[in-house]
Amino acid sequence: MQAKPFKLNPKKLLHSKWTAVNPENKEKHCMVISLVILDVESKVVEAVELEAVMTGRKQLMPWRELQKCDVWKQGWQL
């Protein structure tokens, strides 16, 4: 059974911190370093760029992926 996604405001994602539930390559803790906004007028957030704290690797993903409780936890957790 998949966990129910929690509410997340895409406009408050910049500089937010996340913990991967199943980290790979010591990339457990990540931070949103930029937002991808396709339409400047409406300011609708389409995606986020995450940076792994340990390795500095960056990845682009749809912001709604962060709502998947079985993949991401909000904040930096142990």
N, C-alpha and C. Protein backbone atom coordinates (compact mmCIF):
# COMPACT_ATOMS: atom_id res chain seq x y z
N MET A 1 0.84 -1.17 0.00
CA MET A 1 0.00 0.00 0.00
C MET A 1 0.89 1.25 0.00
N GLN A 2 0.64 2.17 -0.91
CA GLN A 2 1.44 3.38 -1.03
C GLN A 2 0.92 4.45 -0.09
N ALA A 3 1.87 5.20 0.52
CA ALA A 3 1.48 6.26 1.45
C ALA A 3 0.79 7.40 0.70
N LYS A 4 -0.14 8.04 1.37
CA LYS A 4 -0.88 9.15 0.78
C LYS A 4 0.04 10.37 0.67
N PRO A 5 0.09 11.05 -0.50
CA PRO A 5 0.93 12.23 -0.63
C PRO A 5 0.45 13.36 0.28
N PHE A 6 1.40 14.12 0.81
CA PHE A 6 1.04 15.23 1.68
C PHE A 6 0.98 16.52 0.87
N LYS A 7 0.32 17.53 1.41
CA LYS A 7 0.19 18.81 0.71
C LYS A 7 1.52 19.54 0.76
N LEU A 8 1.87 20.14 -0.37
CA LEU A 8 3.14 20.84 -0.49
C LEU A 8 2.92 22.04 -1.39
N ASN A 9 3.32 23.21 -0.93
CA ASN A 9 3.18 24.42 -1.72
C ASN A 9 4.42 24.58 -2.59
N PRO A 10 4.28 24.49 -3.92
CA PRO A 10 5.45 24.56 -4.80
C PRO A 10 6.19 25.89 -4.72
N LYS A 11 5.51 26.95 -4.33
CA LYS A 11 6.16 28.27 -4.26
C LYS A 11 7.06 28.40 -3.03
N LYS A 12 6.97 27.45 -2.10
CA LYS A 12 7.81 27.49 -0.89
C LYS A 12 8.90 26.43 -0.92
N LEU A 13 9.18 25.86 -2.06
CA LEU A 13 10.15 24.79 -2.16
C LEU A 13 11.61 25.24 -2.19
N LEU A 14 11.86 26.44 -2.70
CA LEU A 14 13.23 26.90 -2.85
C LEU A 14 13.96 26.89 -1.51
N HIS A 15 15.13 26.26 -1.49
CA HIS A 15 15.99 26.10 -0.31
C HIS A 15 15.42 25.14 0.73
N SER A 16 14.38 24.39 0.38
CA SER A 16 13.86 23.39 1.33
C SER A 16 14.79 22.18 1.35
N LYS A 17 14.76 21.46 2.46
CA LYS A 17 15.66 20.32 2.67
C LYS A 17 14.86 19.02 2.65
N TRP A 18 15.49 17.96 2.09
CA TRP A 18 14.81 16.68 1.91
C TRP A 18 15.75 15.54 2.24
N THR A 19 15.16 14.44 2.72
CA THR A 19 15.90 13.21 3.02
C THR A 19 15.37 12.10 2.14
N ALA A 20 16.27 11.44 1.43
CA ALA A 20 15.88 10.29 0.61
C ALA A 20 15.61 9.09 1.51
N VAL A 21 14.51 8.40 1.27
CA VAL A 21 14.16 7.23 2.07
C VAL A 21 15.12 6.08 1.77
N ASN A 22 15.47 5.88 0.50
CA ASN A 22 16.41 4.84 0.09
C ASN A 22 17.57 5.49 -0.67
N PRO A 23 18.51 6.10 0.06
CA PRO A 23 19.59 6.84 -0.60
C PRO A 23 20.57 5.92 -1.35
N GLU A 24 21.15 6.50 -2.40
CA GLU A 24 22.19 5.81 -3.17
C GLU A 24 23.42 6.70 -3.19
N ASN A 25 24.60 6.11 -3.16
CA ASN A 25 25.87 6.84 -3.26
C ASN A 25 26.01 7.92 -2.19
N LYS A 26 25.59 7.65 -0.97
CA LYS A 26 25.68 8.60 0.15
C LYS A 26 24.91 9.89 -0.11
N GLU A 27 23.90 9.84 -0.97
CA GLU A 27 23.12 11.02 -1.30
C GLU A 27 21.78 11.00 -0.55
N LYS A 28 21.89 11.01 0.76
CA LYS A 28 20.71 10.94 1.62
C LYS A 28 20.04 12.31 1.78
N HIS A 29 20.84 13.34 2.00
CA HIS A 29 20.30 14.68 2.25
C HIS A 29 20.46 15.55 1.01
N CYS A 30 19.35 16.20 0.64
CA CYS A 30 19.33 17.05 -0.55
C CYS A 30 18.65 18.38 -0.23
N MET A 31 18.94 19.38 -1.06
CA MET A 31 18.33 20.68 -0.91
C MET A 31 17.87 21.18 -2.28
N VAL A 32 16.71 21.81 -2.31
CA VAL A 32 16.20 22.40 -3.55
C VAL A 32 17.00 23.68 -3.80
N ILE A 33 17.74 23.71 -4.92
CA ILE A 33 18.58 24.88 -5.20
C ILE A 33 17.98 25.80 -6.26
N SER A 34 17.01 25.29 -7.03
CA SER A 34 16.33 26.17 -7.99
C SER A 34 14.99 25.58 -8.39
N LEU A 35 14.12 26.46 -8.88
CA LEU A 35 12.80 26.07 -9.36
C LEU A 35 12.76 26.27 -10.87
N VAL A 36 12.10 25.37 -11.57
CA VAL A 36 11.91 25.50 -13.01
C VAL A 36 10.50 26.05 -13.23
N ILE A 37 10.43 27.26 -13.76
CA ILE A 37 9.16 27.92 -14.02
C ILE A 37 9.05 28.13 -15.52
N LEU A 38 8.09 27.47 -16.15
CA LEU A 38 7.96 27.55 -17.61
C LEU A 38 7.28 28.83 -18.07
N ASP A 39 6.29 29.28 -17.32
CA ASP A 39 5.56 30.48 -17.70
C ASP A 39 5.83 31.56 -16.65
N VAL A 40 6.61 32.56 -17.02
CA VAL A 40 7.01 33.60 -16.08
C VAL A 40 5.82 34.40 -15.57
N GLU A 41 4.83 34.63 -16.42
CA GLU A 41 3.66 35.40 -16.01
C GLU A 41 2.86 34.72 -14.91
N SER A 42 2.56 33.45 -15.10
CA SER A 42 1.74 32.74 -14.11
C SER A 42 2.57 32.21 -12.94
N LYS A 43 3.88 32.12 -13.12
CA LYS A 43 4.82 31.65 -12.09
C LYS A 43 4.48 30.24 -11.61
N VAL A 44 4.02 29.38 -12.50
CA VAL A 44 3.70 28.01 -12.17
C VAL A 44 4.99 27.18 -12.13
N VAL A 45 5.25 26.56 -10.99
CA VAL A 45 6.45 25.74 -10.82
C VAL A 45 6.22 24.39 -11.48
N GLU A 46 7.12 24.01 -12.37
CA GLU A 46 7.01 22.72 -13.07
C GLU A 46 7.93 21.67 -12.45
N ALA A 47 9.14 22.08 -12.06
CA ALA A 47 10.13 21.13 -11.56
C ALA A 47 11.05 21.82 -10.56
N VAL A 48 11.87 20.99 -9.90
CA VAL A 48 12.87 21.51 -8.97
C VAL A 48 14.23 20.91 -9.31
N GLU A 49 15.27 21.62 -8.96
CA GLU A 49 16.62 21.07 -9.08
C GLU A 49 17.11 20.80 -7.67
N LEU A 50 17.42 19.53 -7.40
CA LEU A 50 17.91 19.10 -6.10
C LEU A 50 19.42 18.93 -6.15
N GLU A 51 20.09 19.28 -5.07
CA GLU A 51 21.52 19.06 -4.97
C GLU A 51 21.79 18.19 -3.75
N ALA A 52 22.52 17.09 -3.96
CA ALA A 52 22.89 16.21 -2.85
C ALA A 52 23.98 16.91 -2.03
N VAL A 53 23.79 16.96 -0.72
CA VAL A 53 24.72 17.67 0.14
C VAL A 53 26.09 17.00 0.15
N MET A 54 26.13 15.69 0.22
CA MET A 54 27.40 14.96 0.36
C MET A 54 28.23 14.98 -0.92
N THR A 55 27.59 14.81 -2.07
CA THR A 55 28.35 14.68 -3.32
C THR A 55 28.27 15.91 -4.22
N GLY A 56 27.27 16.75 -4.02
CA GLY A 56 27.09 17.91 -4.88
C GLY A 56 26.41 17.61 -6.20
N ARG A 57 26.01 16.34 -6.39
CA ARG A 57 25.33 15.96 -7.64
C ARG A 57 23.97 16.63 -7.69
N LYS A 58 23.62 17.11 -8.87
CA LYS A 58 22.34 17.79 -9.07
C LYS A 58 21.42 16.93 -9.92
N GLN A 59 20.14 17.02 -9.63
CA GLN A 59 19.14 16.30 -10.42
C GLN A 59 17.89 17.15 -10.58
N LEU A 60 17.30 17.05 -11.74
CA LEU A 60 16.08 17.77 -12.05
C LEU A 60 14.92 16.80 -11.97
N MET A 61 13.84 17.21 -11.31
CA MET A 61 12.68 16.32 -11.18
C MET A 61 11.41 17.15 -11.05
N PRO A 62 10.27 16.57 -11.45
CA PRO A 62 8.99 17.26 -11.21
C PRO A 62 8.81 17.47 -9.71
N TRP A 63 8.35 18.63 -9.31
CA TRP A 63 8.25 18.94 -7.88
C TRP A 63 7.29 18.00 -7.15
N ARG A 64 6.32 17.45 -7.85
CA ARG A 64 5.35 16.56 -7.20
C ARG A 64 5.98 15.24 -6.73
N GLU A 65 7.16 14.90 -7.27
CA GLU A 65 7.86 13.70 -6.82
C GLU A 65 8.21 13.80 -5.33
N LEU A 66 8.40 15.00 -4.84
CA LEU A 66 8.75 15.19 -3.43
C LEU A 66 7.58 14.85 -2.50
N GLN A 67 6.39 14.72 -3.04
CA GLN A 67 5.22 14.37 -2.24
C GLN A 67 5.12 12.88 -1.97
N LYS A 68 5.95 12.09 -2.61
CA LYS A 68 5.90 10.64 -2.43
C LYS A 68 6.61 10.26 -1.13
N CYS A 69 5.82 9.92 -0.12
CA CYS A 69 6.34 9.64 1.22
C CYS A 69 7.24 8.40 1.26
N ASP A 70 7.08 7.51 0.29
CA ASP A 70 7.92 6.32 0.26
C ASP A 70 9.27 6.59 -0.41
N VAL A 71 9.47 7.81 -0.93
CA VAL A 71 10.72 8.18 -1.60
C VAL A 71 11.43 9.32 -0.86
N TRP A 72 10.67 10.31 -0.39
CA TRP A 72 11.24 11.51 0.24
C TRP A 72 10.59 11.82 1.57
N LYS A 73 11.38 12.36 2.51
CA LYS A 73 10.88 12.90 3.77
C LYS A 73 11.30 14.36 3.82
N GLN A 74 10.39 15.21 4.28
CA GLN A 74 10.70 16.63 4.36
C GLN A 74 11.66 16.90 5.52
N GLY A 75 12.66 17.73 5.27
CA GLY A 75 13.67 18.07 6.27
C GLY A 75 14.82 17.07 6.23
N TRP A 76 15.86 17.38 6.98
CA TRP A 76 17.00 16.46 7.06
C TRP A 76 16.81 15.59 8.28
N GLN A 77 16.71 14.29 8.05
CA GLN A 77 16.44 13.34 9.12
C GLN A 77 17.53 12.27 9.14
N LEU A 78 17.67 11.63 10.29
CA LEU A 78 18.68 10.57 10.42
C LEU A 78 18.24 9.27 9.86
